[in-house]
Amino acid sequence: MGTARRGADRRLHLGTPPTGWIPQERAESAVFLATTVTDPDYRRFRPGRLIALWALDHAARTGVEWVRRGTTEDGLVRYYRDVQGWELRYSVPVGERTVHMLGRRAERVPELPELMAGTVLA
């Protein structure tokens, strides 16, 4: 029997972490996407994008106002902002790194089932 593999993994946290966000934002209803790992064999399916779209849709369906995320990678900031539509809110020094905080209002993604169906592997 073969070993099962996941194409990507992401952690979804309730609320907004304290680092880099103002108190008013921390008080808003939000979920925070963190720790994406994508298996190189599955990158062509863009699983991280699908997980982010799922999070936006899930948050909207459950009454959460915001989806937020952070990264230390400048290339990911450009991708999230320019391709996926996230807004760069803050860049905060944390130790020797800069953590970039991004956010999007939660929204329904009606095409999500079709997008997800297109990623199924045999």
PDB file of N, CA and C in Angstrom:
ATOM      1  N   MET A   1       0.843  -1.173   0.000  1.00  0.00           N
ATOM      2  CA  MET A   1       0.000   0.000   0.000  1.00  0.00           C
ATOM      3  C   MET A   1       0.887   1.233   0.000  1.00  0.00           C
ATOM      4  N   GLY A   2       0.557   2.234  -0.825  1.00  0.00           N
ATOM      5  CA  GLY A   2       1.341   3.462  -0.943  1.00  0.00           C
ATOM      6  C   GLY A   2       1.150   4.388   0.245  1.00  0.00           C
ATOM      7  N   THR A   3       2.055   5.318   0.357  1.00  0.00           N
ATOM      8  CA  THR A   3       1.981   6.323   1.411  1.00  0.00           C
ATOM      9  C   THR A   3       1.177   7.510   0.910  1.00  0.00           C
ATOM     10  N   ALA A   4       0.206   7.950   1.685  1.00  0.00           N
ATOM     11  CA  ALA A   4      -0.594   9.123   1.317  1.00  0.00           C
ATOM     12  C   ALA A   4       0.254  10.380   1.456  1.00  0.00           C
ATOM     13  N   ARG A   5       0.063  11.312   0.513  1.00  0.00           N
ATOM     14  CA  ARG A   5       0.778  12.584   0.548  1.00  0.00           C
ATOM     15  C   ARG A   5      -0.222  13.713   0.476  1.00  0.00           C
ATOM     16  N   ARG A   6       0.111  14.788   1.123  1.00  0.00           N
ATOM     17  CA  ARG A   6      -0.688  16.002   1.027  1.00  0.00           C
ATOM     18  C   ARG A   6       0.042  16.967   0.117  1.00  0.00           C
ATOM     19  N   GLY A   7      -0.715  17.676  -0.711  1.00  0.00           N
ATOM     20  CA  GLY A   7      -0.122  18.650  -1.619  1.00  0.00           C
ATOM     21  C   GLY A   7       0.310  19.914  -0.914  1.00  0.00           C
ATOM     22  N   ALA A   8      -0.389  20.256   0.173  1.00  0.00           N
ATOM     23  CA  ALA A   8      -0.045  21.466   0.926  1.00  0.00           C
ATOM     24  C   ALA A   8      -0.606  21.341   2.325  1.00  0.00           C
ATOM     25  N   ASP A   9      -0.069  22.151   3.189  1.00  0.00           N
ATOM     26  CA  ASP A   9      -0.558  22.195   4.556  1.00  0.00           C
ATOM     27  C   ASP A   9      -0.578  23.649   4.982  1.00  0.00           C
ATOM     28  N   ARG A  10      -1.598  24.017   5.708  1.00  0.00           N
ATOM     29  CA  ARG A  10      -1.714  25.385   6.201  1.00  0.00           C
ATOM     30  C   ARG A  10      -2.401  25.337   7.551  1.00  0.00           C
ATOM     31  N   ARG A  11      -2.022  26.218   8.418  1.00  0.00           N
ATOM     32  CA  ARG A  11      -2.639  26.351   9.731  1.00  0.00           C
ATOM     33  C   ARG A  11      -3.568  27.559   9.708  1.00  0.00           C
ATOM     34  N   LEU A  12      -4.753  27.393  10.267  1.00  0.00           N
ATOM     35  CA  LEU A  12      -5.741  28.465  10.358  1.00  0.00           C
ATOM     36  C   LEU A  12      -5.997  28.713  11.843  1.00  0.00           C
ATOM     37  N   HIS A  13      -5.742  29.931  12.281  1.00  0.00           N
ATOM     38  CA  HIS A  13      -5.906  30.287  13.687  1.00  0.00           C
ATOM     39  C   HIS A  13      -7.063  31.258  13.836  1.00  0.00           C
ATOM     40  N   LEU A  14      -7.830  31.112  14.894  1.00  0.00           N
ATOM     41  CA  LEU A  14      -8.889  32.072  15.188  1.00  0.00           C
ATOM     42  C   LEU A  14      -8.256  33.318  15.790  1.00  0.00           C
ATOM     43  N   GLY A  15      -8.732  34.475  15.354  1.00  0.00           N
ATOM     44  CA  GLY A  15      -8.224  35.730  15.890  1.00  0.00           C
ATOM     45  C   GLY A  15      -7.012  36.235  15.140  1.00  0.00           C
ATOM     46  N   THR A  16      -6.513  37.366  15.598  1.00  0.00           N
ATOM     47  CA  THR A  16      -5.354  38.016  14.994  1.00  0.00           C
ATOM     48  C   THR A  16      -4.213  37.981  15.996  1.00  0.00           C
ATOM     49  N   PRO A  17      -3.023  37.554  15.584  1.00  0.00           N
ATOM     50  CA  PRO A  17      -1.904  37.534  16.524  1.00  0.00           C
ATOM     51  C   PRO A  17      -1.533  38.959  16.953  1.00  0.00           C
ATOM     52  N   PRO A  18      -0.958  39.116  18.139  1.00  0.00           N
ATOM     53  CA  PRO A  18      -0.669  40.463  18.631  1.00  0.00           C
ATOM     54  C   PRO A  18       0.439  41.198  17.882  1.00  0.00           C
ATOM     55  N   THR A  19       1.420  40.480  17.368  1.00  0.00           N
ATOM     56  CA  THR A  19       2.552  41.132  16.724  1.00  0.00           C
ATOM     57  C   THR A  19       2.129  41.768  15.396  1.00  0.00           C
ATOM     58  N   GLY A  20       2.355  43.073  15.288  1.00  0.00           N
ATOM     59  CA  GLY A  20       2.165  43.754  14.024  1.00  0.00           C
ATOM     60  C   GLY A  20       0.787  44.316  13.752  1.00  0.00           C
ATOM     61  N   TRP A  21      -0.155  44.086  14.624  1.00  0.00           N
ATOM     62  CA  TRP A  21      -1.522  44.564  14.390  1.00  0.00           C
ATOM     63  C   TRP A  21      -1.912  45.530  15.506  1.00  0.00           C
ATOM     64  N   ILE A  22      -2.660  46.571  15.152  1.00  0.00           N
ATOM     65  CA  ILE A  22      -3.089  47.541  16.161  1.00  0.00           C
ATOM     66  C   ILE A  22      -4.237  46.942  16.985  1.00  0.00           C
ATOM     67  N   PRO A  23      -4.454  47.450  18.192  1.00  0.00           N
ATOM     68  CA  PRO A  23      -5.494  46.891  19.065  1.00  0.00           C
ATOM     69  C   PRO A  23      -6.879  46.825  18.411  1.00  0.00           C
ATOM     70  N   GLN A  24      -7.253  47.840  17.655  1.00  0.00           N
ATOM     71  CA  GLN A  24      -8.565  47.831  16.998  1.00  0.00           C
ATOM     72  C   GLN A  24      -8.692  46.627  16.063  1.00  0.00           C
ATOM     73  N   GLU A  25      -7.631  46.312  15.317  1.00  0.00           N
ATOM     74  CA  GLU A  25      -7.668  45.165  14.404  1.00  0.00           C
ATOM     75  C   GLU A  25      -7.699  43.848  15.175  1.00  0.00           C
ATOM     76  N   ARG A  26      -6.971  43.787  16.268  1.00  0.00           N
ATOM     77  CA  ARG A  26      -6.973  42.563  17.066  1.00  0.00           C
ATOM     78  C   ARG A  26      -8.348  42.292  17.669  1.00  0.00           C
ATOM     79  N   ALA A  27      -9.139  43.348  17.841  1.00  0.00           N
ATOM     80  CA  ALA A  27     -10.480  43.190  18.411  1.00  0.00           C
ATOM     81  C   ALA A  27     -11.507  42.751  17.359  1.00  0.00           C
ATOM     82  N   GLU A  28     -11.201  42.886  16.080  1.00  0.00           N
ATOM     83  CA  GLU A  28     -12.132  42.500  15.020  1.00  0.00           C
ATOM     84  C   GLU A  28     -12.156  40.982  14.867  1.00  0.00           C
ATOM     85  N   SER A  29     -13.275  40.462  14.386  1.00  0.00           N
ATOM     86  CA  SER A  29     -13.328  39.016  14.148  1.00  0.00           C
ATOM     87  C   SER A  29     -12.457  38.689  12.937  1.00  0.00           C
ATOM     88  N   ALA A  30     -11.595  37.706  13.119  1.00  0.00           N
ATOM     89  CA  ALA A  30     -10.642  37.367  12.062  1.00  0.00           C
ATOM     90  C   ALA A  30     -10.145  35.942  12.244  1.00  0.00           C
ATOM     91  N   VAL A  31      -9.650  35.390  11.151  1.00  0.00           N
ATOM     92  CA  VAL A  31      -8.856  34.177  11.185  1.00  0.00           C
ATOM     93  C   VAL A  31      -7.507  34.528  10.583  1.00  0.00           C
ATOM     94  N   PHE A  32      -6.481  33.788  10.972  1.00  0.00           N
ATOM     95  CA  PHE A  32      -5.126  34.065  10.524  1.00  0.00           C
ATOM     96  C   PHE A  32      -4.550  32.824   9.862  1.00  0.00           C
ATOM     97  N   LEU A  33      -4.115  32.976   8.622  1.00  0.00           N
ATOM     98  CA  LEU A  33      -3.468  31.888   7.883  1.00  0.00           C
ATOM     99  C   LEU A  33      -1.975  31.915   8.185  1.00  0.00           C
ATOM    100  N   ALA A  34      -1.435  30.771   8.529  1.00  0.00           N
ATOM    101  CA  ALA A  34      -0.010  30.713   8.837  1.00  0.00           C
ATOM    102  C   ALA A  34       0.565  29.385   8.392  1.00  0.00           C
ATOM    103  N   THR A  35       1.851  29.369   8.148  1.00  0.00           N
ATOM    104  CA  THR A  35       2.615  28.158   7.923  1.00  0.00           C
ATOM    105  C   THR A  35       2.149  27.339   6.720  1.00  0.00           C
ATOM    106  N   THR A  36       2.337  27.875   5.550  1.00  0.00           N
ATOM    107  CA  THR A  36       2.036  27.111   4.341  1.00  0.00           C
ATOM    108  C   THR A  36       3.260  26.302   3.931  1.00  0.00           C
ATOM    109  N   VAL A  37       3.019  25.052   3.626  1.00  0.00           N
ATOM    110  CA  VAL A  37       4.060  24.194   3.070  1.00  0.00           C
ATOM    111  C   VAL A  37       3.440  23.509   1.859  1.00  0.00           C
ATOM    112  N   THR A  38       4.052  23.672   0.694  1.00  0.00           N
ATOM    113  CA  THR A  38       3.526  23.072  -0.534  1.00  0.00           C
ATOM    114  C   THR A  38       4.514  22.039  -1.058  1.00  0.00           C
ATOM    115  N   ASP A  39       4.047  20.834  -1.292  1.00  0.00           N
ATOM    116  CA  ASP A  39       4.860  19.784  -1.901  1.00  0.00           C
ATOM    117  C   ASP A  39       5.164  20.208  -3.338  1.00  0.00           C
ATOM    118  N   PRO A  40       6.430  20.247  -3.729  1.00  0.00           N
ATOM    119  CA  PRO A  40       6.774  20.676  -5.089  1.00  0.00           C
ATOM    120  C   PRO A  40       6.051  19.896  -6.196  1.00  0.00           C
ATOM    121  N   ASP A  41       5.725  18.626  -5.942  1.00  0.00           N
ATOM    122  CA  ASP A  41       5.028  17.827  -6.943  1.00  0.00           C
ATOM    123  C   ASP A  41       3.600  18.304  -7.188  1.00  0.00           C
ATOM    124  N   TYR A  42       3.063  19.124  -6.281  1.00  0.00           N
ATOM    125  CA  TYR A  42       1.672  19.580  -6.391  1.00  0.00           C
ATOM    126  C   TYR A  42       1.546  21.074  -6.682  1.00  0.00           C
ATOM    127  N   ARG A  43       2.647  21.768  -6.838  1.00  0.00           N
ATOM    128  CA  ARG A  43       2.598  23.226  -7.040  1.00  0.00           C
ATOM    129  C   ARG A  43       1.753  23.629  -8.234  1.00  0.00           C
ATOM    130  N   ARG A  44       1.717  22.812  -9.269  1.00  0.00           N
ATOM    131  CA  ARG A  44       0.950  23.163 -10.468  1.00  0.00           C
ATOM    132  C   ARG A  44      -0.538  23.321 -10.166  1.00  0.00           C
ATOM    133  N   PHE A  45      -0.998  22.754  -9.065  1.00  0.00           N
ATOM    134  CA  PHE A  45      -2.403  22.869  -8.676  1.00  0.00           C
ATOM    135  C   PHE A  45      -2.651  24.088  -7.782  1.00  0.00           C
ATOM    136  N   ARG A  46      -1.585  24.781  -7.402  1.00  0.00           N
ATOM    137  CA  ARG A  46      -1.662  25.980  -6.554  1.00  0.00           C
ATOM    138  C   ARG A  46      -2.480  25.735  -5.287  1.00  0.00           C
ATOM    139  N   PRO A  47      -2.104  24.721  -4.511  1.00  0.00           N
ATOM    140  CA  PRO A  47      -2.889  24.400  -3.315  1.00  0.00           C
ATOM    141  C   PRO A  47      -2.931  25.525  -2.286  1.00  0.00           C
ATOM    142  N   GLY A  48      -1.859  26.307  -2.163  1.00  0.00           N
ATOM    143  CA  GLY A  48      -1.880  27.422  -1.216  1.00  0.00           C
ATOM    144  C   GLY A  48      -2.940  28.442  -1.579  1.00  0.00           C
ATOM    145  N   ARG A  49      -3.089  28.718  -2.866  1.00  0.00           N
ATOM    146  CA  ARG A  49      -4.131  29.643  -3.335  1.00  0.00           C
ATOM    147  C   ARG A  49      -5.505  29.092  -3.006  1.00  0.00           C
ATOM    148  N   LEU A  50      -5.702  27.798  -3.228  1.00  0.00           N
ATOM    149  CA  LEU A  50      -7.003  27.193  -2.930  1.00  0.00           C
ATOM    150  C   LEU A  50      -7.315  27.242  -1.435  1.00  0.00           C
ATOM    151  N   ILE A  51      -6.312  27.005  -0.614  1.00  0.00           N
ATOM    152  CA  ILE A  51      -6.523  27.067   0.834  1.00  0.00           C
ATOM    153  C   ILE A  51      -6.890  28.494   1.240  1.00  0.00           C
ATOM    154  N   ALA A  52      -6.212  29.494   0.664  1.00  0.00           N
ATOM    155  CA  ALA A  52      -6.537  30.889   0.981  1.00  0.00           C
ATOM    156  C   ALA A  52      -7.959  31.235   0.536  1.00  0.00           C
ATOM    157  N   LEU A  53      -8.359  30.778  -0.654  1.00  0.00           N
ATOM    158  CA  LEU A  53      -9.736  31.029  -1.115  1.00  0.00           C
ATOM    159  C   LEU A  53     -10.736  30.325  -0.212  1.00  0.00           C
ATOM    160  N   TRP A  54     -10.421  29.108   0.198  1.00  0.00           N
ATOM    161  CA  TRP A  54     -11.300  28.394   1.124  1.00  0.00           C
ATOM    162  C   TRP A  54     -11.438  29.182   2.423  1.00  0.00           C
ATOM    163  N   ALA A  55     -10.322  29.709   2.945  1.00  0.00           N
ATOM    164  CA  ALA A  55     -10.360  30.473   4.199  1.00  0.00           C
ATOM    165  C   ALA A  55     -11.229  31.721   4.060  1.00  0.00           C
ATOM    166  N   LEU A  56     -11.120  32.428   2.923  1.00  0.00           N
ATOM    167  CA  LEU A  56     -11.963  33.602   2.684  1.00  0.00           C
ATOM    168  C   LEU A  56     -13.436  33.220   2.673  1.00  0.00           C
ATOM    169  N   ASP A  57     -13.747  32.131   1.985  1.00  0.00           N
ATOM    170  CA  ASP A  57     -15.129  31.660   1.881  1.00  0.00           C
ATOM    171  C   ASP A  57     -15.638  31.157   3.238  1.00  0.00           C
ATOM    172  N   HIS A  58     -14.838  30.366   3.916  1.00  0.00           N
ATOM    173  CA  HIS A  58     -15.221  29.823   5.225  1.00  0.00           C
ATOM    174  C   HIS A  58     -15.486  30.962   6.215  1.00  0.00           C
ATOM    175  N   ALA A  59     -14.595  31.941   6.240  1.00  0.00           N
ATOM    176  CA  ALA A  59     -14.775  33.072   7.146  1.00  0.00           C
ATOM    177  C   ALA A  59     -16.080  33.804   6.839  1.00  0.00           C
ATOM    178  N   ALA A  60     -16.358  34.037   5.569  1.00  0.00           N
ATOM    179  CA  ALA A  60     -17.599  34.727   5.198  1.00  0.00           C
ATOM    180  C   ALA A  60     -18.827  33.916   5.608  1.00  0.00           C
ATOM    181  N   ARG A  61     -18.780  32.601   5.393  1.00  0.00           N
ATOM    182  CA  ARG A  61     -19.930  31.746   5.734  1.00  0.00           C
ATOM    183  C   ARG A  61     -20.165  31.665   7.240  1.00  0.00           C
ATOM    184  N   THR A  62     -19.118  31.872   8.023  1.00  0.00           N
ATOM    185  CA  THR A  62     -19.246  31.746   9.477  1.00  0.00           C
ATOM    186  C   THR A  62     -19.308  33.092  10.190  1.00  0.00           C
ATOM    187  N   GLY A  63     -19.423  34.172   9.425  1.00  0.00           N
ATOM    188  CA  GLY A  63     -19.597  35.489  10.030  1.00  0.00           C
ATOM    189  C   GLY A  63     -18.328  36.166  10.505  1.00  0.00           C
ATOM    190  N   VAL A  64     -17.175  35.692  10.081  1.00  0.00           N
ATOM    191  CA  VAL A  64     -15.901  36.310  10.436  1.00  0.00           C
ATOM    192  C   VAL A  64     -15.607  37.409   9.410  1.00  0.00           C
ATOM    193  N   GLU A  65     -15.160  38.573   9.886  1.00  0.00           N
ATOM    194  CA  GLU A  65     -14.968  39.734   9.006  1.00  0.00           C
ATOM    195  C   GLU A  65     -13.702  39.694   8.163  1.00  0.00           C
ATOM    196  N   TRP A  66     -12.607  39.200   8.723  1.00  0.00           N
ATOM    197  CA  TRP A  66     -11.300  39.327   8.089  1.00  0.00           C
ATOM    198  C   TRP A  66     -10.562  37.998   8.012  1.00  0.00           C
ATOM    199  N   VAL A  67      -9.729  37.885   6.990  1.00  0.00           N
ATOM    200  CA  VAL A  67      -8.726  36.821   6.920  1.00  0.00           C
ATOM    201  C   VAL A  67      -7.392  37.550   6.833  1.00  0.00           C
ATOM    202  N   ARG A  68      -6.472  37.156   7.691  1.00  0.00           N
ATOM    203  CA  ARG A  68      -5.166  37.809   7.744  1.00  0.00           C
ATOM    204  C   ARG A  68      -4.073  36.760   7.605  1.00  0.00           C
ATOM    205  N   ARG A  69      -2.925  37.230   7.178  1.00  0.00           N
ATOM    206  CA  ARG A  69      -1.788  36.324   7.015  1.00  0.00           C
ATOM    207  C   ARG A  69      -0.507  37.112   7.173  1.00  0.00           C
ATOM    208  N   GLY A  70       0.586  36.426   7.380  1.00  0.00           N
ATOM    209  CA  GLY A  70       1.882  37.061   7.491  1.00  0.00           C
ATOM    210  C   GLY A  70       2.939  36.239   6.784  1.00  0.00           C
ATOM    211  N   THR A  71       3.999  36.897   6.384  1.00  0.00           N
ATOM    212  CA  THR A  71       5.124  36.216   5.751  1.00  0.00           C
ATOM    213  C   THR A  71       6.389  37.041   5.954  1.00  0.00           C
ATOM    214  N   THR A  72       7.523  36.364   5.901  1.00  0.00           N
ATOM    215  CA  THR A  72       8.806  37.054   5.947  1.00  0.00           C
ATOM    216  C   THR A  72       9.428  37.147   4.560  1.00  0.00           C
ATOM    217  N   GLU A  73       8.763  36.579   3.569  1.00  0.00           N
ATOM    218  CA  GLU A  73       9.314  36.506   2.214  1.00  0.00           C
ATOM    219  C   GLU A  73       8.786  37.637   1.336  1.00  0.00           C
ATOM    220  N   ASP A  74       9.686  38.480   0.822  1.00  0.00           N
ATOM    221  CA  ASP A  74       9.276  39.601  -0.026  1.00  0.00           C
ATOM    222  C   ASP A  74       8.574  39.131  -1.298  1.00  0.00           C
ATOM    223  N   GLY A  75       9.036  38.035  -1.872  1.00  0.00           N
ATOM    224  CA  GLY A  75       8.408  37.503  -3.081  1.00  0.00           C
ATOM    225  C   GLY A  75       6.972  37.080  -2.833  1.00  0.00           C
ATOM    226  N   LEU A  76       6.711  36.515  -1.665  1.00  0.00           N
ATOM    227  CA  LEU A  76       5.337  36.121  -1.329  1.00  0.00           C
ATOM    228  C   LEU A  76       4.455  37.343  -1.098  1.00  0.00           C
ATOM    229  N   VAL A  77       5.027  38.401  -0.520  1.00  0.00           N
ATOM    230  CA  VAL A  77       4.244  39.639  -0.355  1.00  0.00           C
ATOM    231  C   VAL A  77       3.752  40.110  -1.720  1.00  0.00           C
ATOM    232  N   ARG A  78       4.651  40.165  -2.698  1.00  0.00           N
ATOM    233  CA  ARG A  78       4.263  40.608  -4.046  1.00  0.00           C
ATOM    234  C   ARG A  78       3.216  39.678  -4.652  1.00  0.00           C
ATOM    235  N   TYR A  79       3.396  38.372  -4.503  1.00  0.00           N
ATOM    236  CA  TYR A  79       2.438  37.408  -5.043  1.00  0.00           C
ATOM    237  C   TYR A  79       1.072  37.549  -4.372  1.00  0.00           C
ATOM    238  N   TYR A  80       1.058  37.584  -3.036  1.00  0.00           N
ATOM    239  CA  TYR A  80      -0.215  37.708  -2.324  1.00  0.00           C
ATOM    240  C   TYR A  80      -0.922  39.015  -2.696  1.00  0.00           C
ATOM    241  N   ARG A  81      -0.175  40.092  -2.792  1.00  0.00           N
ATOM    242  CA  ARG A  81      -0.751  41.405  -3.088  1.00  0.00           C
ATOM    243  C   ARG A  81      -1.159  41.518  -4.557  1.00  0.00           C
ATOM    244  N   ASP A  82      -0.246  41.220  -5.458  1.00  0.00           N
ATOM    245  CA  ASP A  82      -0.468  41.496  -6.878  1.00  0.00           C
ATOM    246  C   ASP A  82      -1.291  40.432  -7.590  1.00  0.00           C
ATOM    247  N   VAL A  83      -1.189  39.184  -7.162  1.00  0.00           N
ATOM    248  CA  VAL A  83      -1.898  38.090  -7.835  1.00  0.00           C
ATOM    249  C   VAL A  83      -3.166  37.699  -7.073  1.00  0.00           C
ATOM    250  N   GLN A  84      -3.073  37.608  -5.738  1.00  0.00           N
ATOM    251  CA  GLN A  84      -4.210  37.121  -4.966  1.00  0.00           C
ATOM    252  C   GLN A  84      -5.086  38.228  -4.369  1.00  0.00           C
ATOM    253  N   GLY A  85      -4.659  39.479  -4.455  1.00  0.00           N
ATOM    254  CA  GLY A  85      -5.503  40.583  -4.005  1.00  0.00           C
ATOM    255  C   GLY A  85      -5.456  40.917  -2.526  1.00  0.00           C
ATOM    256  N   TRP A  86      -4.434  40.481  -1.815  1.00  0.00           N
ATOM    257  CA  TRP A  86      -4.299  40.812  -0.398  1.00  0.00           C
ATOM    258  C   TRP A  86      -3.730  42.213  -0.261  1.00  0.00           C
ATOM    259  N   GLU A  87      -4.072  42.893   0.825  1.00  0.00           N
ATOM    260  CA  GLU A  87      -3.563  44.231   1.095  1.00  0.00           C
ATOM    261  C   GLU A  87      -2.447  44.142   2.126  1.00  0.00           C
ATOM    262  N   LEU A  88      -1.288  44.698   1.783  1.00  0.00           N
ATOM    263  CA  LEU A  88      -0.190  44.769   2.742  1.00  0.00           C
ATOM    264  C   LEU A  88      -0.551  45.835   3.765  1.00  0.00           C
ATOM    265  N   ARG A  89      -0.669  45.441   5.024  1.00  0.00           N
ATOM    266  CA  ARG A  89      -1.079  46.368   6.081  1.00  0.00           C
ATOM    267  C   ARG A  89       0.136  46.927   6.826  1.00  0.00           C
ATOM    268  N   TYR A  90       1.077  46.062   7.183  1.00  0.00           N
ATOM    269  CA  TYR A  90       2.226  46.489   7.963  1.00  0.00           C
ATOM    270  C   TYR A  90       3.421  45.607   7.648  1.00  0.00           C
ATOM    271  N   SER A  91       4.609  46.180   7.838  1.00  0.00           N
ATOM    272  CA  SER A  91       5.855  45.418   7.830  1.00  0.00           C
ATOM    273  C   SER A  91       6.536  45.724   9.150  1.00  0.00           C
ATOM    274  N   VAL A  92       6.773  44.681   9.936  1.00  0.00           N
ATOM    275  CA  VAL A  92       7.202  44.842  11.321  1.00  0.00           C
ATOM    276  C   VAL A  92       8.504  44.085  11.551  1.00  0.00           C
ATOM    277  N   PRO A  93       9.536  44.763  12.094  1.00  0.00           N
ATOM    278  CA  PRO A  93      10.754  44.028  12.439  1.00  0.00           C
ATOM    279  C   PRO A  93      10.511  43.117  13.643  1.00  0.00           C
ATOM    280  N   VAL A  94      10.888  41.854  13.475  1.00  0.00           N
ATOM    281  CA  VAL A  94      10.792  40.877  14.557  1.00  0.00           C
ATOM    282  C   VAL A  94      12.138  40.161  14.593  1.00  0.00           C
ATOM    283  N   GLY A  95      12.941  40.498  15.580  1.00  0.00           N
ATOM    284  CA  GLY A  95      14.294  39.947  15.630  1.00  0.00           C
ATOM    285  C   GLY A  95      15.079  40.443  14.423  1.00  0.00           C
ATOM    286  N   GLU A  96      15.679  39.501  13.706  1.00  0.00           N
ATOM    287  CA  GLU A  96      16.468  39.863  12.528  1.00  0.00           C
ATOM    288  C   GLU A  96      15.656  39.837  11.240  1.00  0.00           C
ATOM    289  N   ARG A  97      14.374  39.557  11.323  1.00  0.00           N
ATOM    290  CA  ARG A  97      13.516  39.462  10.148  1.00  0.00           C
ATOM    291  C   ARG A  97      12.480  40.572  10.137  1.00  0.00           C
ATOM    292  N   THR A  98      11.877  40.764   8.982  1.00  0.00           N
ATOM    293  CA  THR A  98      10.727  41.647   8.854  1.00  0.00           C
ATOM    294  C   THR A  98       9.527  40.780   8.527  1.00  0.00           C
ATOM    295  N   VAL A  99       8.482  40.910   9.329  1.00  0.00           N
ATOM    296  CA  VAL A  99       7.254  40.160   9.097  1.00  0.00           C
ATOM    297  C   VAL A  99       6.268  41.105   8.420  1.00  0.00           C
ATOM    298  N   HIS A 100       5.767  40.672   7.274  1.00  0.00           N
ATOM    299  CA  HIS A 100       4.801  41.459   6.513  1.00  0.00           C
ATOM    300  C   HIS A 100       3.412  40.933   6.831  1.00  0.00           C
ATOM    301  N   MET A 101       2.531  41.828   7.258  1.00  0.00           N
ATOM    302  CA  MET A 101       1.164  41.478   7.624  1.00  0.00           C
ATOM    303  C   MET A 101       0.217  41.904   6.512  1.00  0.00           C
ATOM    304  N   LEU A 102      -0.605  40.959   6.066  1.00  0.00           N
ATOM    305  CA  LEU A 102      -1.556  41.227   4.987  1.00  0.00           C
ATOM    306  C   LEU A 102      -2.959  40.850   5.435  1.00  0.00           C
ATOM    307  N   GLY A 103      -3.965  41.438   4.788  1.00  0.00           N
ATOM    308  CA  GLY A 103      -5.339  41.121   5.145  1.00  0.00           C
ATOM    309  C   GLY A 103      -6.285  41.276   3.968  1.00  0.00           C
ATOM    310  N   ARG A 104      -7.396  40.572   4.069  1.00  0.00           N
ATOM    311  CA  ARG A 104      -8.511  40.692   3.113  1.00  0.00           C
ATOM    312  C   ARG A 104      -9.810  40.530   3.877  1.00  0.00           C
ATOM    313  N   ARG A 105     -10.807  41.293   3.477  1.00  0.00           N
ATOM    314  CA  ARG A 105     -12.145  41.075   4.037  1.00  0.00           C
ATOM    315  C   ARG A 105     -12.624  39.698   3.592  1.00  0.00           C
ATOM    316  N   ALA A 106     -13.287  39.013   4.499  1.00  0.00           N
ATOM    317  CA  ALA A 106     -13.853  37.701   4.156  1.00  0.00           C
ATOM    318  C   ALA A 106     -14.890  37.889   3.060  1.00  0.00           C
ATOM    319  N   GLU A 107     -14.953  36.936   2.145  1.00  0.00           N
ATOM    320  CA  GLU A 107     -15.920  37.004   1.058  1.00  0.00           C
ATOM    321  C   GLU A 107     -16.251  35.606   0.571  1.00  0.00           C
ATOM    322  N   ARG A 108     -17.468  35.442   0.105  1.00  0.00           N
ATOM    323  CA  ARG A 108     -17.856  34.161  -0.487  1.00  0.00           C
ATOM    324  C   ARG A 108     -17.098  33.976  -1.795  1.00  0.00           C
ATOM    325  N   VAL A 109     -16.760  32.733  -2.095  1.00  0.00           N
ATOM    326  CA  VAL A 109     -16.053  32.377  -3.334  1.00  0.00           C
ATOM    327  C   VAL A 109     -16.913  31.325  -4.019  1.00  0.00           C
ATOM    328  N   PRO A 110     -17.916  31.772  -4.817  1.00  0.00           N
ATOM    329  CA  PRO A 110     -18.874  30.835  -5.404  1.00  0.00           C
ATOM    330  C   PRO A 110     -18.234  29.772  -6.299  1.00  0.00           C
ATOM    331  N   GLU A 111     -17.111  30.095  -6.920  1.00  0.00           N
ATOM    332  CA  GLU A 111     -16.464  29.146  -7.838  1.00  0.00           C
ATOM    333  C   GLU A 111     -15.549  28.157  -7.120  1.00  0.00           C
ATOM    334  N   LEU A 112     -15.483  28.221  -5.788  1.00  0.00           N
ATOM    335  CA  LEU A 112     -14.568  27.359  -5.037  1.00  0.00           C
ATOM    336  C   LEU A 112     -14.770  25.865  -5.310  1.00  0.00           C
ATOM    337  N   PRO A 113     -16.000  25.332  -5.319  1.00  0.00           N
ATOM    338  CA  PRO A 113     -16.144  23.892  -5.605  1.00  0.00           C
ATOM    339  C   PRO A 113     -15.553  23.480  -6.951  1.00  0.00           C
ATOM    340  N   GLU A 114     -15.747  24.307  -7.963  1.00  0.00           N
ATOM    341  CA  GLU A 114     -15.183  23.977  -9.280  1.00  0.00           C
ATOM    342  C   GLU A 114     -13.666  24.060  -9.268  1.00  0.00           C
ATOM    343  N   LEU A 115     -13.131  25.068  -8.581  1.00  0.00           N
ATOM    344  CA  LEU A 115     -11.675  25.180  -8.483  1.00  0.00           C
ATOM    345  C   LEU A 115     -11.082  23.976  -7.750  1.00  0.00           C
ATOM    346  N   MET A 116     -11.738  23.577  -6.666  1.00  0.00           N
ATOM    347  CA  MET A 116     -11.267  22.424  -5.907  1.00  0.00           C
ATOM    348  C   MET A 116     -11.369  21.142  -6.726  1.00  0.00           C
ATOM    349  N   ALA A 117     -12.429  20.984  -7.488  1.00  0.00           N
ATOM    350  CA  ALA A 117     -12.610  19.777  -8.292  1.00  0.00           C
ATOM    351  C   ALA A 117     -11.518  19.649  -9.345  1.00  0.00           C
ATOM    352  N   GLY A 118     -11.006  20.755  -9.809  1.00  0.00           N
ATOM    353  CA  GLY A 118      -9.956  20.719 -10.825  1.00  0.00           C
ATOM    354  C   GLY A 118      -8.614  20.322 -10.285  1.00  0.00           C
ATOM    355  N   THR A 119      -8.489  20.117  -8.976  1.00  0.00           N
ATOM    356  CA  THR A 119      -7.195  19.776  -8.382  1.00  0.00           C
ATOM    357  C   THR A 119      -7.107  18.332  -7.949  1.00  0.00           C
ATOM    358  N   VAL A 120      -8.146  17.560  -8.162  1.00  0.00           N
ATOM    359  CA  VAL A 120      -8.143  16.178  -7.688  1.00  0.00           C
ATOM    360  C   VAL A 120      -7.214  15.338  -8.552  1.00  0.00           C
ATOM    361  N   LEU A 121      -6.352  14.582  -7.901  1.00  0.00           N
ATOM    362  CA  LEU A 121      -5.427  13.687  -8.608  1.00  0.00           C
ATOM    363  C   LEU A 121      -5.944  12.270  -8.528  1.00  0.00           C
ATOM    364  N   ALA A 122      -5.715  11.518  -9.572  1.00  0.00           N
ATOM    365  CA  ALA A 122      -6.107  10.094  -9.554  1.00  0.00           C
ATOM    366  C   ALA A 122      -5.169   9.312  -8.686  1.00  0.00           C
TER     367      ALA A 122
END
